[in-house]
Amino acid sequence: METSITNIEKEIEYLGDDHVSGEEQMTGDGVQTTTPLLKQTPVDQLDTDQDLLDAYSRAVITAAERVSPSVVYIEVHGTSSERRNPRTRREARGSGSGFIITPDGFILTNSHVVRAAKTIDVTTADGNKYHAQLIGDDPDTDLAVIRINAPNLVPARLGDAQKIRVGQLVVAIGNPYGFQYTVTAGVVSALGRSLRAQSGRLMDDVIQTDAALNPGNSGGPLVNARGEVVGVNTAMILPAQGICFATSIDTAKFVASRLIRDGKVSRSYIGLAGQNVPLPRRIVRFYNLPVATGILVVSFEGTSPARNAGVREGDIIIRFDDHPIAGIDDLHKLLTEDRIGRKSTLSVIRQTTIVKLDVMPEESQKYR
């Protein structure tokens, strides 16, 4: 029996911490033996990797299949001026992506895709082509709504951007370089990013992802594994790889509702030009200010609300109502639609004194 047990022990291979655990049993002779469990073979490991790959693939496939019928290819035609001779006009063409958000033909896309276009053509997933009408666009969020008259449209399911997490799987669908219905996958790299729009305003709550985007992806949906749209693809950093951005679907819902209702997104303004400047340290300490920078007023737009309120060139804006103002972006965020025609208090530093002025914001001229 000793020889038998010894032979068994020799057949079992122990490799430090990688040894195979087993179950201890007592033989009839009172000798304790160990029955080894089977080690995982390379074939078993391959099956496990294949299962993981299949799970990932199934998630991407499911998301793509659910949203693809709602994705459209957008072609725009217009005119542009030449750089050398601005008076010379030439035909310009462009393309992008979008997705259907209502059964009656409303489509969400990027403002920079359709803005200033003379004609807009939309190709749906079934290959049919339709002429589209521009309902409205908002350059400050780079979003636009167009509409087509077509039957049997499938709207995309809109998700909730507050539920997405960093590291979550996301899928981008669009038409890069005219290659229709291209699918790329990645993860949410970061949340709450800020991105400068072409209008100059700062877009907040932007989603950063490494799902590959290329020219032509603009306006396409960024979806989660359930096929719910969580963002609108809007930009990429060309020199970098894997740094792409999408406007939050929560922002898109608000903007789309305003564009469908009014054809525009109204915002207020006080009509001044300024620049961010540091405040003198002694003034910050003396008044115990929560910010160390402000907006230096440089000029005004005609008889603007700020000028009428008594603001002067050289004043430094430090507060709007109860909100500290550290720079132009802070003021832009507060000049929303609900402040139009509502009296607000503007606090400025004039020389060494804090002066409070009543200002009545008006609707911004460019949104009328």
Protein backbone atom coordinates (compact mmCIF):
# COMPACT_ATOMS: atom_id res chain seq x y z
CA MET A 1 0.00 0.00 0.00
CA GLU A 2 2.87 2.39 0.75
CA THR A 3 4.25 1.85 -2.73
CA SER A 4 0.85 2.57 -4.27
CA ILE A 5 0.45 5.80 -2.31
CA THR A 6 3.98 6.87 -3.20
CA ASN A 7 3.34 6.34 -6.91
CA ILE A 8 0.17 8.39 -6.71
CA GLU A 9 2.02 11.25 -5.02
CA LYS A 10 4.66 11.23 -7.74
CA GLU A 11 2.02 11.52 -10.42
CA ILE A 12 0.55 14.66 -8.83
CA GLU A 13 2.43 17.82 -9.83
CA TYR A 14 2.70 20.66 -7.31
CA LEU A 15 3.97 23.99 -8.54
CA GLY A 16 4.22 26.30 -5.55
CA ASP A 17 1.13 28.51 -5.24
CA ASP A 18 -0.21 27.18 -8.52
CA HIS A 19 -0.78 23.67 -7.22
CA VAL A 20 -4.11 21.96 -7.70
CA SER A 21 -6.20 21.77 -4.55
CA GLY A 22 -7.99 18.53 -3.76
CA GLU A 23 -10.23 16.76 -1.36
CA GLU A 24 -8.74 14.86 1.58
CA GLN A 25 -10.06 11.32 2.13
CA MET A 26 -9.31 8.58 4.66
CA THR A 27 -8.56 5.10 3.28
CA GLY A 28 -9.59 1.88 4.90
CA ASP A 29 -6.05 1.41 6.26
CA GLY A 30 -6.26 4.76 8.09
CA VAL A 31 -3.97 6.45 5.62
CA GLN A 32 -4.94 10.01 4.60
CA THR A 33 -4.79 10.66 0.87
CA THR A 34 -5.56 13.63 -1.33
CA THR A 35 -7.68 13.35 -4.43
CA PRO A 36 -6.61 16.10 -6.85
CA LEU A 37 -9.14 18.19 -8.71
CA LEU A 38 -8.68 18.45 -12.44
CA LYS A 39 -6.49 21.37 -13.60
CA GLN A 40 -7.95 23.73 -16.17
CA THR A 41 -6.48 22.83 -19.54
CA PRO A 42 -5.64 25.34 -22.26
CA VAL A 43 -8.77 24.19 -24.10
CA ASP A 44 -10.93 24.99 -21.05
CA GLN A 45 -9.28 28.42 -20.75
CA LEU A 46 -9.99 29.04 -24.42
CA ASP A 47 -13.65 28.22 -23.86
CA THR A 48 -13.78 30.73 -20.98
CA ASP A 49 -12.20 33.48 -23.08
CA GLN A 50 -14.59 32.66 -25.90
CA ASP A 51 -17.55 32.96 -23.52
CA LEU A 52 -16.33 36.38 -22.38
CA LEU A 53 -15.80 37.47 -25.97
CA ASP A 54 -19.25 36.25 -26.90
CA ALA A 55 -20.80 38.21 -24.01
CA TYR A 56 -19.04 41.39 -25.14
CA SER A 57 -19.99 40.77 -28.76
CA ARG A 58 -23.60 40.07 -27.83
CA ALA A 59 -23.79 43.36 -25.93
CA VAL A 60 -22.45 45.35 -28.90
CA ILE A 61 -24.61 43.45 -31.40
CA THR A 62 -27.76 43.94 -29.30
CA ALA A 63 -27.13 47.67 -28.92
CA ALA A 64 -26.38 48.11 -32.62
CA GLU A 65 -29.41 46.15 -33.77
CA ARG A 66 -31.78 48.08 -31.51
CA VAL A 67 -30.68 51.55 -32.56
CA SER A 68 -29.58 51.03 -36.19
CA PRO A 69 -33.12 51.33 -37.65
CA SER A 70 -33.26 54.86 -36.15
CA VAL A 71 -29.89 56.09 -37.48
CA VAL A 72 -29.93 58.20 -40.64
CA TYR A 73 -27.35 59.50 -43.10
CA ILE A 74 -27.52 63.26 -43.69
CA GLU A 75 -26.24 65.03 -46.82
CA VAL A 76 -26.18 68.82 -46.97
CA HIS A 77 -25.64 71.21 -49.87
CA GLY A 78 -24.84 74.90 -49.64
CA THR A 79 -22.40 77.57 -50.71
CA SER A 80 -19.24 78.91 -49.13
CA SER A 81 -16.84 81.72 -49.89
CA GLU A 82 -13.23 81.17 -50.89
CA ARG A 83 -10.53 82.33 -48.48
CA ARG A 84 -8.51 84.20 -51.09
CA ASN A 85 -11.55 85.89 -52.61
CA PRO A 86 -14.48 86.12 -50.17
CA ARG A 87 -16.77 87.43 -52.91
CA THR A 88 -16.40 84.23 -54.87
CA ARG A 89 -18.99 81.66 -53.89
CA ARG A 90 -18.68 77.97 -54.57
CA GLU A 91 -20.84 74.95 -53.95
CA ALA A 92 -20.16 73.13 -50.70
CA ARG A 93 -21.22 69.69 -49.65
CA GLY A 94 -21.10 67.90 -46.36
CA SER A 95 -22.44 64.89 -44.56
CA GLY A 96 -23.14 63.66 -41.08
CA SER A 97 -25.35 61.45 -39.00
CA GLY A 98 -28.53 61.75 -36.99
CA PHE A 99 -31.18 59.62 -35.35
CA ILE A 100 -34.97 59.61 -35.33
CA ILE A 101 -36.49 60.69 -32.00
CA THR A 102 -40.24 60.67 -32.82
CA PRO A 103 -42.42 58.49 -35.08
CA ASP A 104 -43.54 61.59 -37.02
CA GLY A 105 -40.08 62.28 -38.41
CA PHE A 106 -38.16 64.55 -36.04
CA ILE A 107 -34.42 63.83 -36.22
CA LEU A 108 -31.71 64.98 -33.82
CA THR A 109 -28.26 65.85 -35.17
CA ASN A 110 -25.44 68.38 -34.74
CA SER A 111 -25.84 72.07 -35.47
CA HIS A 112 -22.55 72.21 -37.37
CA VAL A 113 -23.82 69.48 -39.73
CA VAL A 114 -26.93 71.31 -40.99
CA ARG A 115 -26.38 74.96 -40.11
CA ALA A 116 -26.48 77.28 -43.16
CA ALA A 117 -27.37 74.37 -45.46
CA LYS A 118 -29.59 75.21 -48.44
CA THR A 119 -30.82 71.65 -48.92
CA ILE A 120 -30.78 68.67 -46.57
CA ASP A 121 -31.30 65.09 -47.73
CA VAL A 122 -31.77 62.18 -45.36
CA THR A 123 -31.26 58.49 -46.13
CA THR A 124 -32.97 56.13 -43.69
CA ALA A 125 -31.87 52.63 -42.71
CA ASP A 126 -34.06 51.03 -45.39
CA GLY A 127 -32.21 52.96 -48.11
CA ASN A 128 -34.97 55.45 -48.93
CA LYS A 129 -34.00 59.08 -49.41
CA TYR A 130 -36.08 62.05 -48.25
CA HIS A 131 -35.79 65.82 -48.30
CA ALA A 132 -35.53 67.27 -44.78
CA GLN A 133 -36.62 70.57 -43.28
CA LEU A 134 -34.53 72.38 -40.68
CA ILE A 135 -36.74 72.91 -37.62
CA GLY A 136 -34.14 74.73 -35.55
CA ASP A 137 -30.57 74.62 -34.32
CA ASP A 138 -28.67 75.70 -31.24
CA PRO A 139 -24.98 76.45 -31.87
CA ASP A 140 -24.32 76.84 -28.14
CA THR A 141 -24.92 73.12 -27.58
CA ASP A 142 -24.13 72.05 -31.17
CA LEU A 143 -27.56 70.45 -31.55
CA ALA A 144 -30.20 70.72 -34.26
CA VAL A 145 -33.54 69.17 -35.16
CA ILE A 146 -34.62 68.40 -38.72
CA ARG A 147 -37.76 66.68 -39.97
CA ILE A 148 -38.70 64.31 -42.77
CA ASN A 149 -42.08 63.11 -43.99
CA ALA A 150 -41.75 59.33 -44.18
CA PRO A 151 -43.79 56.26 -43.13
CA ASN A 152 -42.92 53.52 -40.65
CA LEU A 153 -40.19 55.42 -38.84
CA VAL A 154 -38.60 53.79 -35.79
CA PRO A 155 -37.61 56.28 -33.06
CA ALA A 156 -34.58 55.56 -30.88
CA ARG A 157 -35.00 54.85 -27.20
CA LEU A 158 -33.62 57.75 -25.17
CA GLY A 159 -31.81 56.85 -21.97
CA ASP A 160 -30.81 58.74 -18.83
CA ALA A 161 -27.32 60.28 -18.77
CA GLN A 162 -27.39 60.39 -14.96
CA LYS A 163 -27.22 56.59 -14.84
CA ILE A 164 -24.09 56.06 -16.93
CA ARG A 165 -20.79 55.35 -15.19
CA VAL A 166 -17.13 55.69 -16.08
CA GLY A 167 -15.96 52.44 -17.64
CA GLN A 168 -19.41 51.52 -18.95
CA LEU A 169 -19.65 50.01 -22.43
CA VAL A 170 -20.92 52.41 -25.09
CA VAL A 171 -21.46 52.01 -28.83
CA ALA A 172 -21.27 54.79 -31.44
CA ILE A 173 -23.12 54.47 -34.73
CA GLY A 174 -22.73 56.83 -37.66
CA ASN A 175 -21.55 57.39 -41.19
CA PRO A 176 -17.83 58.28 -41.10
CA TYR A 177 -16.52 59.45 -44.46
CA GLY A 178 -19.78 58.34 -46.05
CA PHE A 179 -19.46 54.69 -44.96
CA GLN A 180 -23.03 54.21 -43.82
CA TYR A 181 -24.01 52.61 -40.52
CA THR A 182 -20.54 52.05 -39.09
CA VAL A 183 -20.43 50.69 -35.53
CA THR A 184 -17.60 51.34 -33.08
CA ALA A 185 -17.45 50.36 -29.41
CA GLY A 186 -15.60 51.65 -26.38
CA VAL A 187 -16.14 52.77 -22.83
CA VAL A 188 -17.11 55.97 -21.06
CA SER A 189 -13.72 57.53 -20.30
CA ALA A 190 -14.97 60.47 -18.20
CA LEU A 191 -18.12 62.37 -17.29
CA GLY A 192 -18.86 66.03 -16.69
CA ARG A 193 -16.35 67.37 -19.21
CA SER A 194 -16.65 70.90 -20.60
CA LEU A 195 -16.20 71.63 -24.28
CA ARG A 196 -16.10 74.94 -26.14
CA ALA A 197 -18.81 75.22 -28.78
CA GLN A 198 -18.18 76.97 -32.10
CA SER A 199 -20.32 79.85 -30.83
CA GLY A 200 -17.84 80.43 -27.99
CA ARG A 201 -20.06 79.24 -25.17
CA LEU A 202 -18.98 76.41 -22.91
CA MET A 203 -20.93 73.15 -23.14
CA ASP A 204 -21.20 71.34 -19.81
CA ASP A 205 -21.90 67.70 -18.86
CA VAL A 206 -20.10 66.41 -21.96
CA ILE A 207 -19.33 62.69 -22.12
CA GLN A 208 -15.79 61.60 -23.02
CA THR A 209 -15.43 58.21 -24.70
CA ASP A 210 -12.82 56.19 -26.54
CA ALA A 211 -15.34 54.81 -29.04
CA ALA A 212 -13.75 55.82 -32.33
CA LEU A 213 -15.34 58.80 -34.07
CA ASN A 214 -14.44 60.21 -37.47
CA PRO A 215 -15.77 63.02 -39.68
CA GLY A 216 -19.29 61.95 -40.58
CA ASN A 217 -20.03 60.48 -37.14
CA SER A 218 -21.21 63.90 -35.97
CA GLY A 219 -24.82 63.82 -34.85
CA GLY A 220 -24.97 60.06 -34.48
CA PRO A 221 -26.08 58.34 -31.28
CA LEU A 222 -23.89 57.09 -28.46
CA VAL A 223 -25.79 54.20 -26.88
CA ASN A 224 -25.44 51.89 -23.90
CA ALA A 225 -25.59 48.09 -23.97
CA ARG A 226 -29.40 48.21 -23.84
CA GLY A 227 -29.55 50.26 -27.02
CA GLU A 228 -30.62 53.45 -25.22
CA VAL A 229 -29.16 56.72 -26.48
CA VAL A 230 -27.07 58.39 -23.78
CA GLY A 231 -25.29 61.01 -25.90
CA VAL A 232 -25.02 62.74 -29.26
CA ASN A 233 -21.59 62.38 -30.87
CA THR A 234 -20.22 65.83 -31.48
CA ALA A 235 -16.42 66.18 -31.55
CA MET A 236 -13.02 64.57 -31.42
CA ILE A 237 -9.47 65.77 -30.83
CA LEU A 238 -7.80 65.16 -34.16
CA PRO A 239 -4.13 64.76 -33.06
CA ALA A 240 -5.15 62.34 -30.29
CA GLN A 241 -6.49 58.82 -30.40
CA GLY A 242 -9.39 57.66 -28.30
CA ILE A 243 -10.48 61.10 -27.08
CA CYS A 244 -13.97 61.78 -28.39
CA PHE A 245 -16.93 63.67 -26.99
CA ALA A 246 -20.71 63.43 -26.95
CA THR A 247 -23.35 65.86 -25.74
CA SER A 248 -25.35 64.42 -22.85
CA ILE A 249 -28.77 63.07 -23.84
CA ASP A 250 -30.30 65.00 -20.93
CA THR A 251 -29.09 68.24 -22.51
CA ALA A 252 -30.27 67.00 -25.92
CA LYS A 253 -33.78 66.27 -24.61
CA PHE A 254 -34.16 69.80 -23.30
CA VAL A 255 -32.76 71.45 -26.42
CA ALA A 256 -34.78 69.25 -28.78
CA SER A 257 -38.01 70.04 -26.97
CA ARG A 258 -37.34 73.78 -27.27
CA LEU A 259 -36.38 73.51 -30.94
CA ILE A 260 -39.51 71.52 -31.77
CA ARG A 261 -41.72 73.95 -29.84
CA ASP A 262 -40.12 77.29 -30.71
CA GLY A 263 -37.53 76.58 -33.39
CA LYS A 264 -34.86 78.05 -31.12
CA VAL A 265 -33.42 77.99 -27.61
CA SER A 266 -33.84 81.38 -25.98
CA ARG A 267 -31.16 82.76 -23.72
CA SER A 268 -30.77 86.09 -21.98
CA TYR A 269 -27.96 88.59 -22.34
CA ILE A 270 -26.83 91.85 -20.74
CA GLY A 271 -24.88 93.14 -23.74
CA LEU A 272 -21.27 93.66 -22.74
CA ALA A 273 -17.86 92.42 -23.76
CA GLY A 274 -15.31 91.51 -21.13
CA GLN A 275 -12.28 89.47 -20.23
CA ASN A 276 -11.29 87.39 -17.24
CA VAL A 277 -8.87 89.16 -14.91
CA PRO A 278 -7.40 88.44 -11.45
CA LEU A 279 -8.64 90.57 -8.57
CA PRO A 280 -6.21 92.52 -6.34
CA ARG A 281 -5.41 90.33 -3.34
CA ARG A 282 -6.06 93.09 -0.85
CA ILE A 283 -9.59 93.55 -2.22
CA VAL A 284 -10.26 89.82 -2.06
CA ARG A 285 -9.13 89.73 1.58
CA PHE A 286 -10.86 92.98 2.59
CA TYR A 287 -14.28 91.94 1.25
CA ASN A 288 -13.70 88.22 1.96
CA LEU A 289 -14.65 87.37 -1.63
CA PRO A 290 -15.28 83.71 -2.60
CA VAL A 291 -13.51 84.23 -5.95
CA ALA A 292 -10.10 85.61 -6.89
CA THR A 293 -11.00 86.54 -10.47
CA GLY A 294 -13.77 88.45 -12.23
CA ILE A 295 -14.89 89.91 -15.57
CA LEU A 296 -13.35 93.21 -16.63
CA VAL A 297 -15.92 95.17 -18.66
CA VAL A 298 -14.32 96.29 -21.92
CA SER A 299 -17.24 97.54 -24.07
CA PHE A 300 -21.00 97.46 -24.58
CA GLU A 301 -23.43 96.60 -27.38
CA GLY A 302 -25.27 99.85 -28.04
CA THR A 303 -27.97 100.58 -25.48
CA SER A 304 -27.58 97.22 -23.81
CA PRO A 305 -29.15 96.19 -20.49
CA ALA A 306 -25.75 96.45 -18.77
CA ARG A 307 -25.17 100.00 -20.02
CA ASN A 308 -28.70 101.03 -19.03
CA ALA A 309 -28.10 99.59 -15.56
CA GLY A 310 -25.13 101.89 -15.04
CA VAL A 311 -22.26 99.49 -15.61
CA ARG A 312 -19.11 101.30 -16.73
CA GLU A 313 -16.07 100.30 -18.70
CA GLY A 314 -13.37 99.25 -16.24
CA ASP A 315 -15.84 97.73 -13.75
CA ILE A 316 -15.09 94.16 -12.67
CA ILE A 317 -18.12 91.87 -12.33
CA ILE A 318 -17.84 89.57 -9.29
CA ARG A 319 -21.44 88.50 -8.59
CA PHE A 320 -24.74 87.97 -10.38
CA ASP A 321 -27.62 87.79 -7.89
CA ASP A 322 -26.34 85.36 -5.24
CA HIS A 323 -23.90 83.59 -7.55
CA PRO A 324 -20.15 84.39 -7.48
CA ILE A 325 -18.72 85.15 -10.93
CA ALA A 326 -15.15 84.03 -11.55
CA GLY A 327 -15.24 84.39 -15.33
CA ILE A 328 -17.26 84.75 -18.51
CA ASP A 329 -18.31 81.09 -18.51
CA ASP A 330 -19.92 81.48 -15.09
CA LEU A 331 -21.98 84.42 -16.36
CA HIS A 332 -23.01 82.54 -19.51
CA LYS A 333 -24.36 79.66 -17.42
CA LEU A 334 -26.60 82.01 -15.47
CA LEU A 335 -27.99 83.93 -18.45
CA THR A 336 -30.75 81.43 -19.16
CA GLU A 337 -34.20 81.80 -20.67
CA ASP A 338 -35.97 82.23 -17.32
CA ARG A 339 -33.98 85.41 -16.58
CA ILE A 340 -35.34 87.30 -19.59
CA GLY A 341 -37.17 90.39 -18.30
CA ARG A 342 -36.46 89.54 -14.66
CA LYS A 343 -34.60 92.07 -12.55
CA SER A 344 -31.26 90.80 -11.28
CA THR A 345 -28.51 92.31 -9.15
CA LEU A 346 -25.07 92.74 -10.68
CA SER A 347 -22.21 93.35 -8.24
CA VAL A 348 -19.10 95.04 -9.60
CA ILE A 349 -15.85 96.36 -8.19
CA ARG A 350 -15.43 100.01 -9.18
CA GLN A 351 -11.96 101.15 -8.20
CA THR A 352 -11.92 99.77 -4.63
CA THR A 353 -15.65 99.79 -3.86
CA ILE A 354 -18.31 97.15 -4.47
CA VAL A 355 -21.28 98.64 -6.32
CA LYS A 356 -24.60 96.80 -6.73
CA LEU A 357 -26.65 97.55 -9.84
CA ASP A 358 -30.09 96.37 -10.97
CA VAL A 359 -30.00 94.92 -14.46
CA MET A 360 -32.85 93.58 -16.61
CA PRO A 361 -31.52 90.85 -18.99
CA GLU A 362 -33.11 90.72 -22.43
CA GLU A 363 -33.44 87.95 -24.99
CA SER A 364 -30.22 87.56 -26.88
CA GLN A 365 -30.40 89.06 -30.37
CA LYS A 366 -28.93 86.01 -32.10
CA TYR A 367 -31.74 83.78 -30.80
CA ARG A 368 -34.59 85.94 -32.05
